Amino acid sequence: MRKNIIIALSLIIISSCQHNNYSNKKTIQVEQYQPVNSQRQAEKINDQVQARIDEQIEEIEVKDRVFFSYDSAELSPQAKEILDVQSQWLSNDETINIIIEGHCDERGTREYNIALGEKRAYVVKDFLIKKGIRSSRIKTVSFGKEKPAFFGTTPEIMAKNRRSVTVIQ
């Protein structure tokens, strides 16, 4: 009798645990994809995907990077605005250290682009120092053309590779 009560209680406990596990699981909605029937439909899907990618790129660009003109290490007014925001943010937390990465597009020799990437990183560093950020908190590195953000040879893609990126250490 006692053995039957223990078995019955065990079964009740096990079944209630299983019930709770199933009731706590979330339902995942799976999108159904239809086959692409035409070139026009494929182009439309491709345009939608590209629009999403472009939105994500814009979001990234505003936060951590500034862009440069071809063969230049001069900060644009837009770059200065972004760096003003970065300097204010860095001023609020003295414990944050950063690395500024200098990058170039694929044109030019490796050596030339390493030097240009270094100039771009130093220009950003100097700007932040003038805004009150201690130089000991800022390191620089140049990748030249070795780490493109995007691959391709269109003017738009090359413009996005001419940049400096601020990375939290």
Protein backbone atom coordinates (compact mmCIF):
# COMPACT_ATOMS: atom_id res chain seq x y z
CA MET A 1 0.00 0.00 0.00
CA ARG A 2 2.72 2.41 1.01
CA LYS A 3 4.64 1.47 -2.11
CA ASN A 4 1.59 2.28 -4.29
CA ILE A 5 1.22 5.73 -2.67
CA ILE A 6 4.89 6.54 -3.35
CA ILE A 7 4.53 5.44 -6.98
CA ALA A 8 1.32 7.46 -7.40
CA LEU A 9 2.93 10.58 -5.90
CA SER A 10 5.99 10.13 -8.11
CA LEU A 11 3.80 9.91 -11.20
CA ILE A 12 1.87 13.03 -10.20
CA ILE A 13 5.09 14.98 -9.61
CA ILE A 14 6.61 13.83 -12.90
CA SER A 15 3.47 14.63 -14.90
CA SER A 16 3.17 18.08 -13.32
CA CYS A 17 6.82 18.83 -14.11
CA GLN A 18 6.33 17.77 -17.70
CA HIS A 19 3.17 19.84 -17.95
CA ASN A 20 5.00 22.93 -16.66
CA ASN A 21 7.84 22.44 -19.13
CA TYR A 22 5.43 22.33 -22.05
CA SER A 23 3.37 25.27 -20.89
CA ASN A 24 6.46 27.47 -20.41
CA LYS A 25 7.82 26.91 -23.91
CA LYS A 26 7.34 29.72 -26.38
CA THR A 27 5.89 29.13 -29.78
CA ILE A 28 8.19 30.04 -32.62
CA GLN A 29 6.59 31.39 -35.76
CA VAL A 30 8.24 30.13 -38.91
CA GLU A 31 7.81 32.24 -42.00
CA GLN A 32 6.76 30.26 -45.04
CA TYR A 33 8.76 31.10 -48.15
CA GLN A 34 7.24 30.77 -51.56
CA PRO A 35 9.41 29.78 -54.50
CA VAL A 36 10.53 32.65 -56.72
CA ASN A 37 8.76 32.31 -60.05
CA SER A 38 10.28 35.13 -62.04
CA GLN A 39 13.35 37.29 -62.43
CA ARG A 40 11.23 40.31 -61.51
CA GLN A 41 10.18 38.69 -58.23
CA ALA A 42 13.81 37.81 -57.45
CA GLU A 43 14.90 41.41 -58.11
CA LYS A 44 12.18 42.72 -55.80
CA ILE A 45 13.33 40.40 -52.99
CA ASN A 46 16.94 41.40 -53.60
CA ASP A 47 16.00 45.11 -53.39
CA GLN A 48 14.22 44.52 -50.08
CA VAL A 49 17.21 42.70 -48.63
CA GLN A 50 19.57 45.44 -49.83
CA ALA A 51 17.34 48.11 -48.24
CA ARG A 52 17.56 46.29 -44.88
CA ILE A 53 21.35 46.05 -45.19
CA ASP A 54 21.59 49.76 -46.01
CA GLU A 55 19.51 50.63 -42.92
CA GLN A 56 21.84 48.59 -40.72
CA ILE A 57 24.91 50.23 -42.28
CA GLU A 58 23.49 53.70 -41.60
CA GLU A 59 22.89 52.78 -37.97
CA ILE A 60 26.47 51.58 -37.59
CA GLU A 61 27.98 54.61 -39.31
CA VAL A 62 26.42 57.09 -36.92
CA LYS A 63 27.79 55.48 -33.79
CA ASP A 64 31.41 54.47 -34.14
CA ARG A 65 33.00 55.64 -37.38
CA VAL A 66 33.84 58.67 -39.45
CA PHE A 67 34.57 58.77 -43.16
CA PHE A 68 37.23 60.49 -45.22
CA SER A 69 37.53 61.75 -48.77
CA TYR A 70 39.80 59.98 -51.21
CA ASP A 71 43.50 60.38 -50.35
CA SER A 72 42.65 62.60 -47.36
CA ALA A 73 42.97 62.60 -43.59
CA GLU A 74 40.90 65.76 -43.13
CA LEU A 75 37.80 65.64 -40.93
CA SER A 76 34.55 66.69 -42.56
CA PRO A 77 31.96 68.73 -40.63
CA GLN A 78 29.84 65.56 -40.30
CA ALA A 79 32.85 63.65 -38.92
CA LYS A 80 33.44 66.42 -36.36
CA GLU A 81 29.82 66.18 -35.21
CA ILE A 82 30.16 62.43 -34.67
CA LEU A 83 33.44 62.91 -32.80
CA ASP A 84 31.84 65.61 -30.63
CA VAL A 85 29.27 63.02 -29.52
CA GLN A 86 32.02 60.46 -28.92
CA SER A 87 34.04 62.94 -26.85
CA GLN A 88 31.01 63.80 -24.70
CA TRP A 89 30.35 60.12 -24.14
CA LEU A 90 33.99 59.44 -23.26
CA SER A 91 34.03 62.43 -20.89
CA ASN A 92 31.19 60.85 -18.91
CA ASP A 93 33.20 57.70 -18.11
CA GLU A 94 36.92 58.09 -17.43
CA THR A 95 37.39 54.31 -17.20
CA ILE A 96 36.74 53.73 -20.91
CA ASN A 97 39.79 53.36 -23.15
CA ILE A 98 39.54 53.22 -26.93
CA ILE A 99 41.45 52.16 -30.00
CA ILE A 100 41.04 54.20 -33.15
CA GLU A 101 41.47 52.13 -36.29
CA GLY A 102 42.51 53.84 -39.53
CA HIS A 103 41.31 52.27 -42.79
CA CYS A 104 41.61 52.97 -46.52
CA ASP A 105 40.04 51.80 -49.75
CA GLU A 106 41.84 49.34 -51.99
CA ARG A 107 43.61 51.86 -54.22
CA GLY A 108 47.31 52.51 -53.67
CA THR A 109 50.14 50.40 -52.33
CA ARG A 110 50.00 48.59 -49.03
CA GLU A 111 52.67 50.87 -47.53
CA TYR A 112 50.94 54.05 -48.68
CA ASN A 113 47.60 52.94 -47.24
CA ILE A 114 49.14 51.94 -43.90
CA ALA A 115 50.59 55.46 -43.64
CA LEU A 116 47.29 57.09 -44.69
CA GLY A 117 45.30 54.94 -42.24
CA GLU A 118 47.71 56.02 -39.50
CA LYS A 119 47.20 59.69 -40.37
CA ARG A 120 43.43 59.21 -40.22
CA ALA A 121 43.62 57.54 -36.81
CA TYR A 122 45.89 60.31 -35.46
CA VAL A 123 43.60 63.06 -36.76
CA VAL A 124 40.71 61.51 -34.84
CA LYS A 125 42.88 61.05 -31.74
CA ASP A 126 44.03 64.68 -31.87
CA PHE A 127 40.44 65.87 -32.21
CA LEU A 128 39.38 63.90 -29.13
CA ILE A 129 42.37 65.13 -27.14
CA LYS A 130 41.45 68.74 -28.00
CA LYS A 131 37.99 67.96 -26.64
CA GLY A 132 39.49 66.97 -23.28
CA ILE A 133 40.02 63.21 -23.57
CA ARG A 134 43.37 62.13 -22.06
CA SER A 135 45.79 60.77 -24.67
CA SER A 136 46.62 57.84 -22.39
CA ARG A 137 43.07 56.55 -22.97
CA ILE A 138 43.47 56.46 -26.75
CA LYS A 139 45.51 54.03 -28.84
CA THR A 140 45.73 54.06 -32.62
CA VAL A 141 46.28 51.37 -35.22
CA SER A 142 46.32 51.45 -39.00
CA PHE A 143 44.99 48.61 -41.10
CA GLY A 144 45.44 50.42 -44.40
CA LYS A 145 43.48 48.50 -47.01
CA GLU A 146 43.81 45.15 -45.23
CA LYS A 147 40.40 45.11 -43.47
CA PRO A 148 37.72 46.51 -45.78
CA ALA A 149 34.25 46.87 -44.31
CA PHE A 150 32.76 46.07 -47.70
CA PHE A 151 34.07 44.31 -50.79
CA GLY A 152 33.72 45.82 -54.23
CA THR A 153 35.04 48.57 -56.44
CA THR A 154 32.11 50.92 -56.79
CA PRO A 155 32.68 54.50 -55.61
CA GLU A 156 30.06 54.02 -52.86
CA ILE A 157 31.75 50.92 -51.46
CA MET A 158 35.21 52.45 -51.60
CA ALA A 159 33.89 55.55 -49.77
CA LYS A 160 32.64 53.32 -46.93
CA ASN A 161 36.09 51.74 -46.61
CA ARG A 162 37.83 55.12 -46.14
CA ARG A 163 37.15 55.45 -42.44
CA SER A 164 38.31 55.47 -38.87
CA VAL A 165 36.53 53.27 -36.36
CA THR A 166 36.45 53.90 -32.62
CA VAL A 167 36.58 50.61 -30.69
CA ILE A 168 36.16 50.27 -26.93
CA GLN A 169 39.05 48.40 -25.35
